[in-house]
Amino acid sequence: PPTISLQATRPRLVSSDSENSDESEVESLEEVPAPWVVDAEDMDETVEPELEDELLSRVKLNPYELLEGELESEESQRPRDSRLTEAAMNAIRAHNLKVSVDLGARAYTKTKRAFPQLKDLPSLAHLQSEIAFLFGVTPVRYHCCTSSCCCFVGPYADLDNCPYCDEARYDAQGRPRATFDYLPLIPRLKAKFANKDMCKKLGLHSTQNGKIRDIFDSFHYRSLRRRHVSVDGEVFSHMFFHQDSDIAMGLSTDGICPFKNRKATCW
């Protein structure tokens, strides 16, 4: 392969004021202690994704292509006029690096200063916004209690205070004090089936007599396949898991310890 030479650059001096300003900028991007709860003060609502309608109509990415880098080889086989822009590819490469090595916000920001060739690397907030756009799954933001008592949806949607701890839902400026970002289920399932390898795995429901390897060998699963689907008393002609694309959804919860002695748990 041809050798790529990097442009030589002279080192530059950085004043303490510049370093402090960079550090203060990065501090706002530090991860919050609880990743499922984001304080409203930490959210940057001014960042907007650069929407490329033509790009979105040409390509649909799934999480495996974004995280595992499979898009690189796939893009090289596309017609030149239908490929992703170089800026979009650079954003995906930067996202792959950050996720694969668990690169922190401070280290990511310092990368541009360490390598002047990366001066066009997007900010972390812009990168996250751009990847979310390319991914095609938009999170739904819900208000929640600052103590994680509840989410203000359903019967709690119109409340201004937590029904459990009475904490205020909004701050003095009328902004939610804490939010919860939820990735909708249907787009996530579509993304799984959009990946060729994952789609093949999802369609494998094989069983072996006398052996239990997974849920498909269980008695309950096999008995469901012999039952017709019924909803609200109406019986349909098809049976459970009749098609290879049918998916069984499960609910998994974490146990909590209601007492300090940790000898009892509940679910």
C-alpha atoms as a PDB file:
ATOM      1  CA  PRO A   1       0.000   0.000   0.000  1.00  0.00           C
ATOM      2  CA  PRO A   2       1.211   3.577  -0.632  1.00  0.00           C
ATOM      3  CA  THR A   3       2.933   5.350   2.240  1.00  0.00           C
ATOM      4  CA  ILE A   4       1.055   8.331   3.643  1.00  0.00           C
ATOM      5  CA  SER A   5       3.260  11.066   5.065  1.00  0.00           C
ATOM      6  CA  LEU A   6       1.860  13.413   7.676  1.00  0.00           C
ATOM      7  CA  GLN A   7       2.403  17.124   7.300  1.00  0.00           C
ATOM      8  CA  ALA A   8       5.151  18.351   9.598  1.00  0.00           C
ATOM      9  CA  THR A   9       4.000  20.919  12.119  1.00  0.00           C
ATOM     10  CA  ARG A  10       5.828  23.079  14.620  1.00  0.00           C
ATOM     11  CA  PRO A  11       4.974  22.773  18.307  1.00  0.00           C
ATOM     12  CA  ARG A  12       3.055  25.707  19.698  1.00  0.00           C
ATOM     13  CA  LEU A  13       2.991  27.150  23.182  1.00  0.00           C
ATOM     14  CA  VAL A  14      -0.294  27.130  25.008  1.00  0.00           C
ATOM     15  CA  SER A  15      -0.989  29.727  27.666  1.00  0.00           C
ATOM     16  CA  SER A  16      -2.490  28.773  30.993  1.00  0.00           C
ATOM     17  CA  ASP A  17      -5.607  30.776  30.150  1.00  0.00           C
ATOM     18  CA  SER A  18      -6.120  28.671  27.034  1.00  0.00           C
ATOM     19  CA  GLU A  19      -5.676  25.452  28.978  1.00  0.00           C
ATOM     20  CA  ASN A  20      -8.136  26.527  31.613  1.00  0.00           C
ATOM     21  CA  SER A  21     -10.700  27.481  29.022  1.00  0.00           C
ATOM     22  CA  ASP A  22     -10.350  24.111  27.336  1.00  0.00           C
ATOM     23  CA  GLU A  23     -10.667  22.264  30.621  1.00  0.00           C
ATOM     24  CA  SER A  24     -13.763  24.205  31.582  1.00  0.00           C
ATOM     25  CA  GLU A  25     -15.255  23.379  28.214  1.00  0.00           C
ATOM     26  CA  VAL A  26     -14.566  19.684  28.725  1.00  0.00           C
ATOM     27  CA  GLU A  27     -15.944  19.610  32.252  1.00  0.00           C
ATOM     28  CA  SER A  28     -19.437  20.174  30.914  1.00  0.00           C
ATOM     29  CA  LEU A  29     -19.076  16.981  28.884  1.00  0.00           C
ATOM     30  CA  GLU A  30     -18.017  14.720  31.762  1.00  0.00           C
ATOM     31  CA  GLU A  31     -20.179  11.668  32.302  1.00  0.00           C
ATOM     32  CA  VAL A  32     -22.732  12.023  35.067  1.00  0.00           C
ATOM     33  CA  PRO A  33     -22.616   9.483  37.915  1.00  0.00           C
ATOM     34  CA  ALA A  34     -25.900   7.861  36.935  1.00  0.00           C
ATOM     35  CA  PRO A  35     -25.917   7.329  33.144  1.00  0.00           C
ATOM     36  CA  TRP A  36     -29.689   6.883  33.001  1.00  0.00           C
ATOM     37  CA  VAL A  37     -30.365  10.281  34.620  1.00  0.00           C
ATOM     38  CA  VAL A  38     -29.074  13.465  33.008  1.00  0.00           C
ATOM     39  CA  ASP A  39     -29.322  16.767  34.820  1.00  0.00           C
ATOM     40  CA  ALA A  40     -30.980  19.480  32.775  1.00  0.00           C
ATOM     41  CA  GLU A  41     -28.074  21.857  33.437  1.00  0.00           C
ATOM     42  CA  ASP A  42     -25.682  19.470  31.676  1.00  0.00           C
ATOM     43  CA  MET A  43     -27.721  19.272  28.480  1.00  0.00           C
ATOM     44  CA  ASP A  44     -26.601  21.304  25.470  1.00  0.00           C
ATOM     45  CA  GLU A  45     -29.808  22.139  23.663  1.00  0.00           C
ATOM     46  CA  THR A  46     -28.029  24.417  21.178  1.00  0.00           C
ATOM     47  CA  VAL A  47     -26.405  21.526  19.330  1.00  0.00           C
ATOM     48  CA  GLU A  48     -28.353  20.539  16.261  1.00  0.00           C
ATOM     49  CA  PRO A  49     -27.475  17.641  13.944  1.00  0.00           C
ATOM     50  CA  GLU A  50     -26.448  18.541  10.436  1.00  0.00           C
ATOM     51  CA  LEU A  51     -29.316  16.882   8.633  1.00  0.00           C
ATOM     52  CA  GLU A  52     -28.469  15.579   5.192  1.00  0.00           C
ATOM     53  CA  ASP A  53     -31.735  14.468   3.610  1.00  0.00           C
ATOM     54  CA  GLU A  54     -30.030  13.091   0.524  1.00  0.00           C
ATOM     55  CA  LEU A  55     -27.612  11.122   2.701  1.00  0.00           C
ATOM     56  CA  LEU A  56     -30.394   9.694   4.837  1.00  0.00           C
ATOM     57  CA  SER A  57     -32.266   8.483   1.769  1.00  0.00           C
ATOM     58  CA  ARG A  58     -29.165   6.705   0.447  1.00  0.00           C
ATOM     59  CA  VAL A  59     -27.985   4.774   3.465  1.00  0.00           C
ATOM     60  CA  LYS A  60     -29.386   3.314   6.670  1.00  0.00           C
ATOM     61  CA  LEU A  61     -26.898   2.382   9.352  1.00  0.00           C
ATOM     62  CA  ASN A  62     -27.384  -0.090  12.144  1.00  0.00           C
ATOM     63  CA  PRO A  63     -25.556  -0.238  15.494  1.00  0.00           C
ATOM     64  CA  TYR A  64     -23.335  -3.117  14.431  1.00  0.00           C
ATOM     65  CA  GLU A  65     -22.044  -1.206  11.421  1.00  0.00           C
ATOM     66  CA  LEU A  66     -21.437   1.863  13.577  1.00  0.00           C
ATOM     67  CA  LEU A  67     -19.687   0.083  16.444  1.00  0.00           C
ATOM     68  CA  GLU A  68     -17.828  -2.718  14.683  1.00  0.00           C
ATOM     69  CA  GLY A  69     -16.626  -0.694  11.716  1.00  0.00           C
ATOM     70  CA  GLU A  70     -18.211  -2.982   9.117  1.00  0.00           C
ATOM     71  CA  LEU A  71     -19.285   0.095   7.197  1.00  0.00           C
ATOM     72  CA  GLU A  72     -15.729   0.730   5.948  1.00  0.00           C
ATOM     73  CA  SER A  73     -15.665  -2.293   3.632  1.00  0.00           C
ATOM     74  CA  GLU A  74     -19.317  -1.897   2.684  1.00  0.00           C
ATOM     75  CA  GLU A  75     -18.848   1.729   1.652  1.00  0.00           C
ATOM     76  CA  SER A  76     -15.908   0.857  -0.601  1.00  0.00           C
ATOM     77  CA  GLN A  77     -18.229  -1.382  -2.640  1.00  0.00           C
ATOM     78  CA  ARG A  78     -20.932   1.240  -3.107  1.00  0.00           C
ATOM     79  CA  PRO A  79     -21.131   3.371  -6.251  1.00  0.00           C
ATOM     80  CA  ARG A  80     -19.108   6.524  -5.699  1.00  0.00           C
ATOM     81  CA  ASP A  81     -22.117   8.820  -6.037  1.00  0.00           C
ATOM     82  CA  SER A  82     -24.020   6.978  -3.291  1.00  0.00           C
ATOM     83  CA  ARG A  83     -21.307   6.793  -0.650  1.00  0.00           C
ATOM     84  CA  LEU A  84     -21.351   8.607   2.650  1.00  0.00           C
ATOM     85  CA  THR A  85     -19.582  11.936   2.789  1.00  0.00           C
ATOM     86  CA  GLU A  86     -16.047  11.999   4.176  1.00  0.00           C
ATOM     87  CA  ALA A  87     -17.262  14.080   7.121  1.00  0.00           C
ATOM     88  CA  ALA A  88     -19.813  11.405   7.993  1.00  0.00           C
ATOM     89  CA  MET A  89     -17.189   8.665   7.725  1.00  0.00           C
ATOM     90  CA  ASN A  90     -14.810  10.607   9.977  1.00  0.00           C
ATOM     91  CA  ALA A  91     -17.577  11.010  12.539  1.00  0.00           C
ATOM     92  CA  ILE A  92     -18.175   7.240  12.501  1.00  0.00           C
ATOM     93  CA  ARG A  93     -14.441   6.535  12.864  1.00  0.00           C
ATOM     94  CA  ALA A  94     -14.200   8.912  15.813  1.00  0.00           C
ATOM     95  CA  HIS A  95     -17.258   7.314  17.402  1.00  0.00           C
ATOM     96  CA  ASN A  96     -15.796   3.824  16.914  1.00  0.00           C
ATOM     97  CA  LEU A  97     -12.571   4.883  18.622  1.00  0.00           C
ATOM     98  CA  LYS A  98     -14.295   6.494  21.577  1.00  0.00           C
ATOM     99  CA  VAL A  99     -16.607   3.538  22.188  1.00  0.00           C
ATOM    100  CA  SER A 100     -14.096   0.731  21.574  1.00  0.00           C
ATOM    101  CA  VAL A 101     -11.449   2.073  23.992  1.00  0.00           C
ATOM    102  CA  ASP A 102     -13.858   3.847  26.367  1.00  0.00           C
ATOM    103  CA  LEU A 103     -12.241   7.198  25.609  1.00  0.00           C
ATOM    104  CA  GLY A 104     -13.263   9.873  28.108  1.00  0.00           C
ATOM    105  CA  ALA A 105     -14.595  13.300  27.191  1.00  0.00           C
ATOM    106  CA  ARG A 106     -11.428  15.103  28.320  1.00  0.00           C
ATOM    107  CA  ALA A 107      -9.127  12.786  26.366  1.00  0.00           C
ATOM    108  CA  TYR A 108     -11.313  13.081  23.262  1.00  0.00           C
ATOM    109  CA  THR A 109     -11.166  16.878  23.364  1.00  0.00           C
ATOM    110  CA  LYS A 110      -7.410  16.923  23.936  1.00  0.00           C
ATOM    111  CA  THR A 111      -6.915  14.762  20.838  1.00  0.00           C
ATOM    112  CA  LYS A 112      -7.445  17.730  18.533  1.00  0.00           C
ATOM    113  CA  ARG A 113      -4.711  19.678  20.319  1.00  0.00           C
ATOM    114  CA  ALA A 114      -2.305  16.743  20.257  1.00  0.00           C
ATOM    115  CA  PHE A 115      -2.802  16.109  16.535  1.00  0.00           C
ATOM    116  CA  PRO A 116      -3.301  19.327  14.505  1.00  0.00           C
ATOM    117  CA  GLN A 117      -4.303  17.175  11.533  1.00  0.00           C
ATOM    118  CA  LEU A 118      -7.528  16.438  13.437  1.00  0.00           C
ATOM    119  CA  LYS A 119      -8.522  20.085  13.772  1.00  0.00           C
ATOM    120  CA  ASP A 120     -11.791  19.358  11.964  1.00  0.00           C
ATOM    121  CA  LEU A 121     -12.766  16.632  14.427  1.00  0.00           C
ATOM    122  CA  PRO A 122     -16.270  17.508  15.690  1.00  0.00           C
ATOM    123  CA  SER A 123     -16.866  18.308  19.332  1.00  0.00           C
ATOM    124  CA  LEU A 124     -18.142  15.477  21.488  1.00  0.00           C
ATOM    125  CA  ALA A 125     -21.645  16.950  21.664  1.00  0.00           C
ATOM    126  CA  HIS A 126     -21.710  17.424  17.885  1.00  0.00           C
ATOM    127  CA  LEU A 127     -20.328  13.916  17.349  1.00  0.00           C
ATOM    128  CA  GLN A 128     -23.035  12.337  19.494  1.00  0.00           C
ATOM    129  CA  SER A 129     -25.696  14.318  17.641  1.00  0.00           C
ATOM    130  CA  GLU A 130     -24.311  13.327  14.237  1.00  0.00           C
ATOM    131  CA  ILE A 131     -24.069   9.626  15.134  1.00  0.00           C
ATOM    132  CA  ALA A 132     -27.629   9.674  16.447  1.00  0.00           C
ATOM    133  CA  PHE A 133     -28.766  11.111  13.114  1.00  0.00           C
ATOM    134  CA  LEU A 134     -26.840   8.532  11.077  1.00  0.00           C
ATOM    135  CA  PHE A 135     -28.119   5.738  13.304  1.00  0.00           C
ATOM    136  CA  GLY A 136     -31.701   6.818  12.592  1.00  0.00           C
ATOM    137  CA  VAL A 137     -33.035   6.074  16.092  1.00  0.00           C
ATOM    138  CA  THR A 138     -34.092   9.197  17.956  1.00  0.00           C
ATOM    139  CA  PRO A 139     -34.299   8.873  21.737  1.00  0.00           C
ATOM    140  CA  VAL A 140     -37.472   9.968  23.481  1.00  0.00           C
ATOM    141  CA  ARG A 141     -36.762  12.192  26.478  1.00  0.00           C
ATOM    142  CA  TYR A 142     -38.916  11.828  29.589  1.00  0.00           C
ATOM    143  CA  HIS A 143     -38.907  13.909  32.734  1.00  0.00           C
ATOM    144  CA  CYS A 144     -38.062  11.982  35.884  1.00  0.00           C
ATOM    145  CA  CYS A 145     -37.556  12.546  39.586  1.00  0.00           C
ATOM    146  CA  THR A 146     -34.098  13.725  40.649  1.00  0.00           C
ATOM    147  CA  SER A 147     -34.036  10.812  43.104  1.00  0.00           C
ATOM    148  CA  SER A 148     -35.139   8.319  40.411  1.00  0.00           C
ATOM    149  CA  CYS A 149     -38.397   7.620  42.242  1.00  0.00           C
ATOM    150  CA  CYS A 150     -40.546   7.757  39.124  1.00  0.00           C
ATOM    151  CA  CYS A 151     -40.844   8.901  35.551  1.00  0.00           C
ATOM    152  CA  PHE A 152     -43.420  11.579  34.815  1.00  0.00           C
ATOM    153  CA  VAL A 153     -45.471   9.574  32.321  1.00  0.00           C
ATOM    154  CA  GLY A 154     -48.835   7.852  32.431  1.00  0.00           C
ATOM    155  CA  PRO A 155     -50.671   8.775  35.651  1.00  0.00           C
ATOM    156  CA  TYR A 156     -47.766  11.050  36.655  1.00  0.00           C
ATOM    157  CA  ALA A 157     -47.566  13.001  33.377  1.00  0.00           C
ATOM    158  CA  ASP A 158     -49.280  16.138  34.707  1.00  0.00           C
ATOM    159  CA  LEU A 159     -47.649  16.233  38.144  1.00  0.00           C
ATOM    160  CA  ASP A 160     -45.276  19.013  39.165  1.00  0.00           C
ATOM    161  CA  ASN A 161     -43.848  17.136  42.154  1.00  0.00           C
ATOM    162  CA  CYS A 162     -42.733  13.571  42.738  1.00  0.00           C
ATOM    163  CA  PRO A 163     -45.586  11.563  44.313  1.00  0.00           C
ATOM    164  CA  TYR A 164     -43.059   9.686  46.484  1.00  0.00           C
ATOM    165  CA  CYS A 165     -40.471  12.207  47.742  1.00  0.00           C
ATOM    166  CA  ASP A 166     -42.239  15.469  46.763  1.00  0.00           C
ATOM    167  CA  GLU A 167     -39.181  16.762  44.888  1.00  0.00           C
ATOM    168  CA  ALA A 168     -39.992  19.449  42.330  1.00  0.00           C
ATOM    169  CA  ARG A 169     -40.150  18.360  38.720  1.00  0.00           C
ATOM    170  CA  TYR A 170     -38.956  21.688  37.281  1.00  0.00           C
ATOM    171  CA  ASP A 171     -36.331  24.216  38.320  1.00  0.00           C
ATOM    172  CA  ALA A 172     -36.879  27.953  38.737  1.00  0.00           C
ATOM    173  CA  GLN A 173     -36.591  28.485  34.959  1.00  0.00           C
ATOM    174  CA  GLY A 174     -39.262  25.882  34.232  1.00  0.00           C
ATOM    175  CA  ARG A 175     -36.823  23.284  32.905  1.00  0.00           C
ATOM    176  CA  PRO A 176     -36.990  19.616  33.963  1.00  0.00           C
ATOM    177  CA  ARG A 177     -34.481  18.949  36.718  1.00  0.00           C
ATOM    178  CA  ALA A 178     -33.694  15.453  35.454  1.00  0.00           C
ATOM    179  CA  THR A 179     -34.514  13.509  32.318  1.00  0.00           C
ATOM    180  CA  PHE A 180     -34.438   9.924  31.091  1.00  0.00           C
ATOM    181  CA  ASP A 181     -33.617   9.151  27.453  1.00  0.00           C
ATOM    182  CA  TYR A 182     -35.379   6.083  26.077  1.00  0.00           C
ATOM    183  CA  LEU A 183     -34.567   4.412  22.769  1.00  0.00           C
ATOM    184  CA  PRO A 184     -37.873   3.247  21.224  1.00  0.00           C
ATOM    185  CA  LEU A 185     -38.174  -0.504  20.793  1.00  0.00           C
ATOM    186  CA  ILE A 186     -39.508  -0.710  17.220  1.00  0.00           C
ATOM    187  CA  PRO A 187     -36.622   1.214  15.556  1.00  0.00           C
ATOM    188  CA  ARG A 188     -34.139  -0.890  17.524  1.00  0.00           C
ATOM    189  CA  LEU A 189     -35.736  -4.101  16.255  1.00  0.00           C
ATOM    190  CA  LYS A 190     -35.658  -2.732  12.713  1.00  0.00           C
ATOM    191  CA  ALA A 191     -31.956  -1.988  13.125  1.00  0.00           C
ATOM    192  CA  LYS A 192     -31.299  -5.577  14.193  1.00  0.00           C
ATOM    193  CA  PHE A 193     -33.082  -6.994  11.153  1.00  0.00           C
ATOM    194  CA  ALA A 194     -31.260  -4.520   8.906  1.00  0.00           C
ATOM    195  CA  ASN A 195     -27.997  -6.288   9.710  1.00  0.00           C
ATOM    196  CA  LYS A 196     -27.548  -9.405   7.561  1.00  0.00           C
ATOM    197  CA  ASP A 197     -25.690 -11.493  10.147  1.00  0.00           C
ATOM    198  CA  MET A 198     -27.948 -10.520  13.042  1.00  0.00           C
ATOM    199  CA  CYS A 199     -31.066 -11.138  10.943  1.00  0.00           C
ATOM    200  CA  LYS A 200     -29.829 -14.671  10.251  1.00  0.00           C
ATOM    201  CA  LYS A 201     -29.217 -15.292  13.958  1.00  0.00           C
ATOM    202  CA  LEU A 202     -32.664 -13.999  14.898  1.00  0.00           C
ATOM    203  CA  GLY A 203     -34.237 -16.518  12.529  1.00  0.00           C
ATOM    204  CA  LEU A 204     -32.518 -19.538  14.092  1.00  0.00           C
ATOM    205  CA  HIS A 205     -35.076 -21.315  16.282  1.00  0.00           C
ATOM    206  CA  SER A 206     -33.658 -24.826  16.060  1.00  0.00           C
ATOM    207  CA  THR A 207     -34.221 -27.436  18.755  1.00  0.00           C
ATOM    208  CA  GLN A 208     -32.694 -30.801  19.597  1.00  0.00           C
ATOM    209  CA  ASN A 209     -34.635 -33.548  21.319  1.00  0.00           C
ATOM    210  CA  GLY A 210     -33.375 -34.335  24.799  1.00  0.00           C
ATOM    211  CA  LYS A 211     -31.101 -31.279  24.978  1.00  0.00           C
ATOM    212  CA  ILE A 212     -31.766 -27.866  26.479  1.00  0.00           C
ATOM    213  CA  ARG A 213     -29.375 -25.256  25.122  1.00  0.00           C
ATOM    214  CA  ASP A 214     -31.528 -22.129  25.087  1.00  0.00           C
ATOM    215  CA  ILE A 215     -35.146 -20.978  25.335  1.00  0.00           C
ATOM    216  CA  PHE A 216     -36.017 -22.652  22.038  1.00  0.00           C
ATOM    217  CA  ASP A 217     -35.496 -26.065  23.651  1.00  0.00           C
ATOM    218  CA  SER A 218     -37.735 -25.273  26.627  1.00  0.00           C
ATOM    219  CA  PHE A 219     -41.088 -26.958  27.124  1.00  0.00           C
ATOM    220  CA  HIS A 220     -42.930 -23.638  27.448  1.00  0.00           C
ATOM    221  CA  TYR A 221     -41.611 -22.286  24.143  1.00  0.00           C
ATOM    222  CA  ARG A 222     -42.464 -25.481  22.263  1.00  0.00           C
ATOM    223  CA  SER A 223     -45.945 -25.596  23.777  1.00  0.00           C
ATOM    224  CA  LEU A 224     -46.576 -21.993  22.715  1.00  0.00           C
ATOM    225  CA  ARG A 225     -45.766 -22.911  19.131  1.00  0.00           C
ATOM    226  CA  ARG A 226     -48.752 -25.280  19.222  1.00  0.00           C
ATOM    227  CA  ARG A 227     -51.156 -22.619  20.510  1.00  0.00           C
ATOM    228  CA  HIS A 228     -53.129 -20.073  18.524  1.00  0.00           C
ATOM    229  CA  VAL A 229     -52.592 -16.434  19.392  1.00  0.00           C
ATOM    230  CA  SER A 230     -55.489 -14.862  21.281  1.00  0.00           C
ATOM    231  CA  VAL A 231     -55.943 -11.198  22.210  1.00  0.00           C
ATOM    232  CA  ASP A 232     -58.817 -10.030  24.417  1.00  0.00           C
ATOM    233  CA  GLY A 233     -60.685 -13.285  23.825  1.00  0.00           C
ATOM    234  CA  GLU A 234     -60.298 -13.208  20.039  1.00  0.00           C
ATOM    235  CA  VAL A 235     -58.490 -16.267  18.677  1.00  0.00           C
ATOM    236  CA  PHE A 236     -56.436 -15.792  15.510  1.00  0.00           C
ATOM    237  CA  SER A 237     -55.492 -18.357  12.892  1.00  0.00           C
ATOM    238  CA  HIS A 238     -51.727 -18.078  13.373  1.00  0.00           C
ATOM    239  CA  MET A 239     -49.761 -19.621  16.221  1.00  0.00           C
ATOM    240  CA  PHE A 240     -47.095 -18.200  18.481  1.00  0.00           C
ATOM    241  CA  PHE A 241     -43.691 -17.870  16.803  1.00  0.00           C
ATOM    242  CA  HIS A 242     -45.128 -19.136  13.525  1.00  0.00           C
ATOM    243  CA  GLN A 243     -42.751 -16.986  11.476  1.00  0.00           C
ATOM    244  CA  ASP A 244     -38.979 -16.974  11.755  1.00  0.00           C
ATOM    245  CA  SER A 245     -39.079 -13.207  12.284  1.00  0.00           C
ATOM    246  CA  ASP A 246     -41.230 -13.515  15.431  1.00  0.00           C
ATOM    247  CA  ILE A 247     -39.390 -12.371  18.551  1.00  0.00           C
ATOM    248  CA  ALA A 248     -40.115 -13.267  22.167  1.00  0.00           C
ATOM    249  CA  MET A 249     -39.766 -10.235  24.426  1.00  0.00           C
ATOM    250  CA  GLY A 250     -38.609 -10.717  28.004  1.00  0.00           C
ATOM    251  CA  LEU A 251     -38.602  -8.411  31.006  1.00  0.00           C
ATOM    252  CA  SER A 252     -35.509  -8.325  33.202  1.00  0.00           C
ATOM    253  CA  THR A 253     -35.356  -6.329  36.434  1.00  0.00           C
ATOM    254  CA  ASP A 254     -32.750  -5.725  39.102  1.00  0.00           C
ATOM    255  CA  GLY A 255     -33.316  -6.742  42.677  1.00  0.00           C
ATOM    256  CA  ILE A 256     -33.296  -4.098  45.397  1.00  0.00           C
ATOM    257  CA  CYS A 257     -32.421  -4.366  49.065  1.00  0.00           C
ATOM    258  CA  PRO A 258     -35.106  -2.639  51.159  1.00  0.00           C
ATOM    259  CA  PHE A 259     -33.176  -3.005  54.425  1.00  0.00           C
ATOM    260  CA  LYS A 260     -29.635  -2.089  55.442  1.00  0.00           C
ATOM    261  CA  ASN A 261     -28.721  -5.589  56.593  1.00  0.00           C
ATOM    262  CA  ARG A 262     -28.861  -6.797  52.976  1.00  0.00           C
ATOM    263  CA  LYS A 263     -30.384 -10.118  54.004  1.00  0.00           C
ATOM    264  CA  ALA A 264     -33.611  -9.576  52.093  1.00  0.00           C
ATOM    265  CA  THR A 265     -34.254  -8.520  48.531  1.00  0.00           C
ATOM    266  CA  CYS A 266     -37.320  -7.873  46.445  1.00  0.00           C
ATOM    267  CA  TRP A 267     -37.980  -7.521  42.710  1.00  0.00           C
END
